Protein backbone atom coordinates (compact mmCIF):
# COMPACT_ATOMS: atom_id res chain seq x y z
CA ALA A 1 -0.01 0.00 -0.01
CA CYS A 2 2.98 2.31 0.45
CA ALA A 3 6.69 2.27 -0.16
CA GLY A 4 9.69 3.54 1.75
CA VAL A 5 11.74 6.44 0.45
CA ARG A 6 15.40 7.20 1.02
CA ARG A 7 15.50 10.23 3.31
CA TRP A 8 17.88 13.06 2.53
CA GLY A 9 17.63 15.25 5.57
CA SER A 10 15.45 16.44 8.38
CA ALA A 11 11.79 15.69 8.91
CA ALA A 12 11.09 19.35 8.07
CA LEU A 13 12.58 18.73 4.63
CA ASP A 14 10.48 15.63 4.13
CA MET A 15 7.37 17.54 5.10
CA ALA A 16 8.36 20.32 2.70
CA TYR A 17 8.56 17.68 -0.02
CA VAL A 18 4.94 16.74 0.78
CA ALA A 19 3.98 20.42 0.57
CA ALA A 20 5.76 20.74 -2.78
CA GLY A 21 4.19 17.56 -4.18
CA ARG A 22 7.45 15.60 -4.39
CA TYR A 23 6.14 13.10 -1.80
CA ASP A 24 2.51 12.14 -1.52
CA GLY A 25 2.75 11.59 2.20
CA PHE A 26 5.12 11.27 5.17
CA TRP A 27 4.96 9.82 8.65
CA GLU A 28 7.45 9.48 11.46
CA ARG A 29 7.69 8.89 15.16
CA ARG A 30 9.70 10.50 17.93
CA LEU A 31 10.63 13.67 16.06
CA ASN A 32 12.04 16.78 17.67
CA ALA A 33 9.76 19.77 18.12
CA TRP A 34 11.89 22.06 15.89
CA ASP A 35 11.55 19.73 12.90
CA LEU A 36 7.82 19.33 13.44
CA ALA A 37 7.06 23.00 13.96
CA ALA A 38 8.78 24.05 10.74
CA GLY A 39 7.31 21.14 8.74
CA LEU A 40 3.77 21.63 10.00
CA ILE A 41 3.74 25.26 8.97
CA ILE A 42 5.00 24.45 5.52
CA VAL A 43 2.53 21.59 4.92
CA GLN A 44 -0.47 23.50 6.26
CA GLU A 45 0.36 26.71 4.30
CA ALA A 46 0.54 24.60 1.12
CA GLY A 47 -2.94 23.18 1.79
CA GLY A 48 -1.79 19.77 3.09
CA PHE A 49 -3.02 17.94 6.15
CA ALA A 50 -1.10 16.85 9.25
CA GLU A 51 -2.30 14.99 12.33
CA PRO A 52 -0.74 13.06 15.20
CA LEU A 53 -0.39 9.32 14.60
CA THR A 54 -2.42 8.60 17.71
CA ASP A 55 -5.85 10.21 18.05
CA GLY A 56 -5.99 12.62 20.99
CA ALA A 57 -2.23 13.12 21.16
CA GLY A 58 -0.53 16.40 20.43
CA ILE A 59 1.87 16.36 17.48
CA LEU A 60 4.50 18.47 19.23
CA ASP A 61 4.07 16.59 22.53
CA SER A 62 4.29 13.10 21.08
CA GLY A 63 6.70 13.78 18.26
CA ASP A 64 4.60 11.54 15.99
CA VAL A 65 3.13 12.91 12.77
CA ILE A 66 1.36 11.84 9.62
CA CYS A 67 0.91 14.29 6.76
CA ALA A 68 -0.18 14.09 3.14
CA ASN A 69 -1.88 16.00 0.37
CA GLU A 70 -5.63 16.42 0.37
CA ALA A 71 -6.25 13.79 -2.29
CA ILE A 72 -4.82 10.87 -0.28
CA PHE A 73 -4.74 11.93 3.37
CA VAL A 74 -7.67 9.89 4.61
CA LYS A 75 -6.64 6.68 2.87
CA PHE A 76 -2.92 7.15 3.66
CA SER A 77 -3.63 7.75 7.37
CA ARG A 78 -5.82 4.64 7.55
CA VAL A 79 -3.08 2.53 5.99
CA ILE A 80 -0.32 3.90 8.32
CA ARG A 81 -2.39 3.79 11.47
CA GLY A 82 -3.50 0.27 10.72
CA ALA A 83 0.06 -0.95 10.40
């Protein structure tokens, strides 16, 4: 349902790639707040969606995030959360 990608840098860069359309989606656990804060702003300003991996958790508190473009977010998050 999804494939891994070789990562080239920080989580903020990966999230920027989602915002730019280079990646369809991204998810990660135990990230630092500075990576998440920058990446969240970029994704949201580009019209993408981001949520914590676990319902009810805070993204910055948990360090866990899932983000994707509008077209696939619901399906992508179901696949990742079901794994």
